[in-house]
Amino acid sequence: MIIDGVISLLNAALRGPGRKKQAEGAVDAFRSRRPLVPDANAKIDAATSSGDRLADAIARVGGSWPFIIAFLLLLAAWIVINAVFLSGARQFDPYPFIFLNLVLSMLAALQAPIIMMGQNRQSAKDRLVANTDYEVNLKAELEILALHEKIDRLEAQQAREFDRLAALLIVRRE
C-alpha cells in the first residue's frame, strides 16, 4: 500500500520540469532515514565571493531609511551652503547646482547596478530555498504515507486480535 502511494507521488513529482533529481533525492533520504538537505543559507554563503558580499552590503545600506535620511541631509546642506553661506566666486557649485547633478548621476549610475546584483543574488537564494522546501515537503509526504501504512497495519492487526478475543469469549460462554 505504501509502495503504491510512493510510486504515485513519485510519478507526480517527476512530471515537473527538472524535478526528477529532487524526487530521487527525497526517496533516497526517505529510505535511508537521513536528513534530506543542508542549510540553503550556508550553501549560498559558502559560494559567495567578496564582491558579492560587498554588493549585498551596499544594497542593504543603500535601501535603508538611515541612508535616505542622511543623503537628504547632505543634499540640503549642499544647497544651503552654496546658496546662502557662500557668495560670488567662493561658491563651488552655484545655482542651478550642475556639479550636484553630476555627482547624483554618477551615484545613481554606480548604485543601481550594484543594487540589482544584490537583488539577483537574493532571487537566486530564494530559488534555492524554494527547491529545498520542495524536497523537504516531498520527503515529509513520503514519511506521512509511511506512517499511514503503519497505522493501517496496526489497525488491521488490532481488528484481528479483537476478532480472536471475541471468538475466544464466545467459545467460553458456550
C-alpha atoms as a PDB file:
ATOM      1  CA  MET A   1       0.000   0.000   0.000  1.00  0.00           C
ATOM      2  CA  ILE A   2       2.751   2.477   0.886  1.00  0.00           C
ATOM      3  CA  ILE A   3       4.684   1.448  -2.196  1.00  0.00           C
ATOM      4  CA  ASP A   4       1.687   2.392  -4.375  1.00  0.00           C
ATOM      5  CA  GLY A   5       1.447   5.754  -2.640  1.00  0.00           C
ATOM      6  CA  VAL A   6       5.152   6.411  -3.020  1.00  0.00           C
ATOM      7  CA  ILE A   7       5.059   5.421  -6.691  1.00  0.00           C
ATOM      8  CA  SER A   8       2.090   7.682  -7.440  1.00  0.00           C
ATOM      9  CA  LEU A   9       3.703  10.553  -5.543  1.00  0.00           C
ATOM     10  CA  LEU A  10       6.988   9.982  -7.308  1.00  0.00           C
ATOM     11  CA  ASN A  11       5.276   9.895 -10.712  1.00  0.00           C
ATOM     12  CA  ALA A  12       3.524  13.177  -9.932  1.00  0.00           C
ATOM     13  CA  ALA A  13       6.811  14.714  -8.806  1.00  0.00           C
ATOM     14  CA  LEU A  14       8.650  13.526 -11.902  1.00  0.00           C
ATOM     15  CA  ARG A  15       6.175  15.285 -14.196  1.00  0.00           C
ATOM     16  CA  GLY A  16       7.522  18.675 -13.155  1.00  0.00           C
ATOM     17  CA  PRO A  17      10.437  20.062 -15.176  1.00  0.00           C
ATOM     18  CA  GLY A  18      13.777  19.369 -13.527  1.00  0.00           C
ATOM     19  CA  ARG A  19      12.171  17.623 -10.575  1.00  0.00           C
ATOM     20  CA  LYS A  20      13.430  14.074 -11.221  1.00  0.00           C
ATOM     21  CA  LYS A  21      16.685  14.567  -9.310  1.00  0.00           C
ATOM     22  CA  GLN A  22      14.854  16.173  -6.398  1.00  0.00           C
ATOM     23  CA  ALA A  23      12.297  13.358  -6.235  1.00  0.00           C
ATOM     24  CA  GLU A  24      15.007  10.712  -6.365  1.00  0.00           C
ATOM     25  CA  GLY A  25      16.908  12.502  -3.609  1.00  0.00           C
ATOM     26  CA  ALA A  26      13.798  12.644  -1.440  1.00  0.00           C
ATOM     27  CA  VAL A  27      13.109   8.923  -1.937  1.00  0.00           C
ATOM     28  CA  ASP A  28      16.747   8.056  -1.157  1.00  0.00           C
ATOM     29  CA  ALA A  29      16.657  10.170   2.002  1.00  0.00           C
ATOM     30  CA  PHE A  30      13.346   8.552   2.954  1.00  0.00           C
ATOM     31  CA  ARG A  31      14.752   5.039   2.524  1.00  0.00           C
ATOM     32  CA  SER A  32      17.997   5.763   4.368  1.00  0.00           C
ATOM     33  CA  ARG A  33      16.274   7.745   7.154  1.00  0.00           C
ATOM     34  CA  ARG A  34      18.730  10.612   6.869  1.00  0.00           C
ATOM     35  CA  PRO A  35      18.176  14.372   6.690  1.00  0.00           C
ATOM     36  CA  LEU A  36      17.439  15.474   3.164  1.00  0.00           C
ATOM     37  CA  VAL A  37      19.166  18.777   2.511  1.00  0.00           C
ATOM     38  CA  PRO A  38      21.757  21.036   4.108  1.00  0.00           C
ATOM     39  CA  ASP A  39      21.004  24.581   5.171  1.00  0.00           C
ATOM     40  CA  ALA A  40      20.398  26.604   1.992  1.00  0.00           C
ATOM     41  CA  ASN A  41      21.815  29.780   3.539  1.00  0.00           C
ATOM     42  CA  ALA A  42      25.058  28.027   4.466  1.00  0.00           C
ATOM     43  CA  LYS A  43      25.292  26.616   0.946  1.00  0.00           C
ATOM     44  CA  ILE A  44      24.896  30.068  -0.595  1.00  0.00           C
ATOM     45  CA  ASP A  45      27.259  31.738   1.878  1.00  0.00           C
ATOM     46  CA  ALA A  46      29.946  29.173   1.035  1.00  0.00           C
ATOM     47  CA  ALA A  47      29.741  30.117  -2.663  1.00  0.00           C
ATOM     48  CA  THR A  48      29.651  33.884  -2.065  1.00  0.00           C
ATOM     49  CA  SER A  49      32.624  35.928  -3.255  1.00  0.00           C
ATOM     50  CA  SER A  50      33.880  39.091  -1.578  1.00  0.00           C
ATOM     51  CA  GLY A  51      32.417  41.131  -4.451  1.00  0.00           C
ATOM     52  CA  ASP A  52      29.019  39.552  -3.853  1.00  0.00           C
ATOM     53  CA  ARG A  53      29.232  40.336  -0.142  1.00  0.00           C
ATOM     54  CA  LEU A  54      30.185  43.922  -0.955  1.00  0.00           C
ATOM     55  CA  ALA A  55      27.238  44.258  -3.363  1.00  0.00           C
ATOM     56  CA  ASP A  56      24.914  42.860  -0.684  1.00  0.00           C
ATOM     57  CA  ALA A  57      26.241  45.321   1.892  1.00  0.00           C
ATOM     58  CA  ILE A  58      25.857  48.284  -0.483  1.00  0.00           C
ATOM     59  CA  ALA A  59      22.319  47.180  -1.380  1.00  0.00           C
ATOM     60  CA  ARG A  60      21.484  46.760   2.299  1.00  0.00           C
ATOM     61  CA  VAL A  61      22.794  50.243   3.176  1.00  0.00           C
ATOM     62  CA  GLY A  62      21.524  51.980   0.015  1.00  0.00           C
ATOM     63  CA  GLY A  63      17.985  50.733   0.563  1.00  0.00           C
ATOM     64  CA  SER A  64      17.685  51.784   4.200  1.00  0.00           C
ATOM     65  CA  TRP A  65      15.977  54.731   5.841  1.00  0.00           C
ATOM     66  CA  PRO A  66      19.136  55.926   7.599  1.00  0.00           C
ATOM     67  CA  PHE A  67      20.865  56.203   4.200  1.00  0.00           C
ATOM     68  CA  ILE A  68      17.936  58.084   2.675  1.00  0.00           C
ATOM     69  CA  ILE A  69      17.721  60.500   5.621  1.00  0.00           C
ATOM     70  CA  ALA A  70      21.497  61.083   5.663  1.00  0.00           C
ATOM     71  CA  PHE A  71      21.506  61.639   1.921  1.00  0.00           C
ATOM     72  CA  LEU A  72      18.639  64.148   2.142  1.00  0.00           C
ATOM     73  CA  LEU A  73      20.518  65.989   4.891  1.00  0.00           C
ATOM     74  CA  LEU A  74      23.665  66.039   2.726  1.00  0.00           C
ATOM     75  CA  LEU A  75      21.695  67.448  -0.228  1.00  0.00           C
ATOM     76  CA  ALA A  76      20.076  70.099   1.965  1.00  0.00           C
ATOM     77  CA  ALA A  77      23.481  71.075   3.411  1.00  0.00           C
ATOM     78  CA  TRP A  78      24.993  71.259  -0.087  1.00  0.00           C
ATOM     79  CA  ILE A  79      22.220  73.555  -1.295  1.00  0.00           C
ATOM     80  CA  VAL A  80      22.176  75.745   1.818  1.00  0.00           C
ATOM     81  CA  ILE A  81      25.968  76.155   1.857  1.00  0.00           C
ATOM     82  CA  ASN A  82      26.098  77.068  -1.848  1.00  0.00           C
ATOM     83  CA  ALA A  83      23.011  79.281  -1.937  1.00  0.00           C
ATOM     84  CA  VAL A  84      23.131  81.010   1.445  1.00  0.00           C
ATOM     85  CA  PHE A  85      26.551  80.924   3.133  1.00  0.00           C
ATOM     86  CA  LEU A  86      28.878  81.179   0.172  1.00  0.00           C
ATOM     87  CA  SER A  87      28.592  84.052  -2.254  1.00  0.00           C
ATOM     88  CA  GLY A  88      30.039  85.035  -5.582  1.00  0.00           C
ATOM     89  CA  ALA A  89      33.364  83.452  -6.504  1.00  0.00           C
ATOM     90  CA  ARG A  90      33.517  81.354  -3.334  1.00  0.00           C
ATOM     91  CA  GLN A  91      30.559  79.194  -4.380  1.00  0.00           C
ATOM     92  CA  PHE A  92      31.881  75.820  -5.553  1.00  0.00           C
ATOM     93  CA  ASP A  93      28.512  74.887  -7.126  1.00  0.00           C
ATOM     94  CA  PRO A  94      26.278  77.892  -7.799  1.00  0.00           C
ATOM     95  CA  TYR A  95      22.585  77.602  -8.619  1.00  0.00           C
ATOM     96  CA  PRO A  96      21.345  75.506 -10.638  1.00  0.00           C
ATOM     97  CA  PHE A  97      23.806  73.106  -8.901  1.00  0.00           C
ATOM     98  CA  ILE A  98      25.240  71.448 -12.001  1.00  0.00           C
ATOM     99  CA  PHE A  99      28.044  69.757 -10.059  1.00  0.00           C
ATOM    100  CA  LEU A 100      25.466  68.318  -7.622  1.00  0.00           C
ATOM    101  CA  ASN A 101      23.535  66.917 -10.601  1.00  0.00           C
ATOM    102  CA  LEU A 102      26.742  65.327 -11.901  1.00  0.00           C
ATOM    103  CA  VAL A 103      27.509  63.745  -8.525  1.00  0.00           C
ATOM    104  CA  LEU A 104      23.940  62.437  -8.195  1.00  0.00           C
ATOM    105  CA  SER A 105      24.017  60.998 -11.722  1.00  0.00           C
ATOM    106  CA  MET A 106      27.313  59.215 -11.068  1.00  0.00           C
ATOM    107  CA  LEU A 107      26.000  57.854  -7.765  1.00  0.00           C
ATOM    108  CA  ALA A 108      22.838  56.558  -9.444  1.00  0.00           C
ATOM    109  CA  ALA A 109      24.851  55.052 -12.307  1.00  0.00           C
ATOM    110  CA  LEU A 110      27.008  53.112  -9.835  1.00  0.00           C
ATOM    111  CA  GLN A 111      24.445  52.296  -7.186  1.00  0.00           C
ATOM    112  CA  ALA A 112      21.696  50.931  -9.463  1.00  0.00           C
ATOM    113  CA  PRO A 113      23.707  48.025 -10.955  1.00  0.00           C
ATOM    114  CA  ILE A 114      25.140  47.141  -7.549  1.00  0.00           C
ATOM    115  CA  ILE A 115      21.650  47.006  -6.026  1.00  0.00           C
ATOM    116  CA  MET A 116      20.481  44.895  -8.986  1.00  0.00           C
ATOM    117  CA  MET A 117      23.371  42.480  -8.341  1.00  0.00           C
ATOM    118  CA  GLY A 118      22.170  42.129  -4.764  1.00  0.00           C
ATOM    119  CA  GLN A 119      18.606  41.558  -5.948  1.00  0.00           C
ATOM    120  CA  ASN A 120      19.751  38.908  -8.440  1.00  0.00           C
ATOM    121  CA  ARG A 121      21.648  37.120  -5.689  1.00  0.00           C
ATOM    122  CA  GLN A 122      18.594  37.297  -3.444  1.00  0.00           C
ATOM    123  CA  SER A 123      16.374  35.817  -6.168  1.00  0.00           C
ATOM    124  CA  ALA A 124      18.909  33.001  -6.705  1.00  0.00           C
ATOM    125  CA  LYS A 125      18.868  32.397  -2.962  1.00  0.00           C
ATOM    126  CA  ASP A 126      15.055  32.361  -2.984  1.00  0.00           C
ATOM    127  CA  ARG A 127      15.067  29.795  -5.805  1.00  0.00           C
ATOM    128  CA  LEU A 128      17.455  27.557  -3.862  1.00  0.00           C
ATOM    129  CA  VAL A 129      15.326  27.851  -0.732  1.00  0.00           C
ATOM    130  CA  ALA A 130      12.188  27.041  -2.756  1.00  0.00           C
ATOM    131  CA  ASN A 131      13.857  23.936  -4.223  1.00  0.00           C
ATOM    132  CA  THR A 132      14.980  22.911  -0.747  1.00  0.00           C
ATOM    133  CA  ASP A 133      11.438  23.399   0.559  1.00  0.00           C
ATOM    134  CA  TYR A 134      10.092  21.269  -2.282  1.00  0.00           C
ATOM    135  CA  GLU A 135      12.481  18.430  -1.458  1.00  0.00           C
ATOM    136  CA  VAL A 136      11.710  18.619   2.260  1.00  0.00           C
ATOM    137  CA  ASN A 137       7.964  18.674   1.584  1.00  0.00           C
ATOM    138  CA  LEU A 138       8.282  15.684  -0.730  1.00  0.00           C
ATOM    139  CA  LYS A 139      10.173  13.715   1.905  1.00  0.00           C
ATOM    140  CA  ALA A 140       7.650  14.725   4.566  1.00  0.00           C
ATOM    141  CA  GLU A 141       4.857  13.485   2.332  1.00  0.00           C
ATOM    142  CA  LEU A 142       6.660  10.151   1.944  1.00  0.00           C
ATOM    143  CA  GLU A 143       7.090   9.937   5.715  1.00  0.00           C
ATOM    144  CA  ILE A 144       3.385  10.647   6.221  1.00  0.00           C
ATOM    145  CA  LEU A 145       2.478   7.935   3.722  1.00  0.00           C
ATOM    146  CA  ALA A 146       4.715   5.514   5.642  1.00  0.00           C
ATOM    147  CA  LEU A 147       3.032   6.470   8.911  1.00  0.00           C
ATOM    148  CA  HIS A 148      -0.404   5.935   7.363  1.00  0.00           C
ATOM    149  CA  GLU A 149       0.687   2.494   6.206  1.00  0.00           C
ATOM    150  CA  LYS A 150       1.941   1.618   9.688  1.00  0.00           C
ATOM    151  CA  ILE A 151      -1.269   2.823  11.301  1.00  0.00           C
ATOM    152  CA  ASP A 152      -3.346   0.835   8.780  1.00  0.00           C
ATOM    153  CA  ARG A 153      -1.302  -2.294   9.586  1.00  0.00           C
ATOM    154  CA  LEU A 154      -1.711  -1.726  13.326  1.00  0.00           C
ATOM    155  CA  GLU A 155      -5.468  -1.209  12.947  1.00  0.00           C
ATOM    156  CA  ALA A 156      -5.781  -4.398  10.907  1.00  0.00           C
ATOM    157  CA  GLN A 157      -3.704  -6.299  13.455  1.00  0.00           C
ATOM    158  CA  GLN A 158      -5.806  -4.883  16.286  1.00  0.00           C
ATOM    159  CA  ALA A 159      -9.039  -5.841  14.494  1.00  0.00           C
ATOM    160  CA  ARG A 160      -7.761  -9.420  14.031  1.00  0.00           C
ATOM    161  CA  GLU A 161      -6.815  -9.551  17.702  1.00  0.00           C
ATOM    162  CA  PHE A 162     -10.270  -8.295  18.746  1.00  0.00           C
ATOM    163  CA  ASP A 163     -11.900 -10.881  16.488  1.00  0.00           C
ATOM    164  CA  ARG A 164      -9.732 -13.625  18.031  1.00  0.00           C
ATOM    165  CA  LEU A 165     -10.594 -12.456  21.550  1.00  0.00           C
ATOM    166  CA  ALA A 166     -14.285 -12.230  20.675  1.00  0.00           C
ATOM    167  CA  ALA A 167     -14.182 -15.783  19.283  1.00  0.00           C
ATOM    168  CA  LEU A 168     -12.490 -16.977  22.486  1.00  0.00           C
ATOM    169  CA  LEU A 169     -15.124 -15.230  24.584  1.00  0.00           C
ATOM    170  CA  ILE A 170     -17.955 -16.843  22.600  1.00  0.00           C
ATOM    171  CA  VAL A 171     -16.367 -20.293  22.932  1.00  0.00           C
ATOM    172  CA  ARG A 172     -16.033 -19.890  26.715  1.00  0.00           C
ATOM    173  CA  ARG A 173     -19.683 -18.822  27.125  1.00  0.00           C
ATOM    174  CA  GLU A 174     -20.919 -21.924  25.414  1.00  0.00           C
END
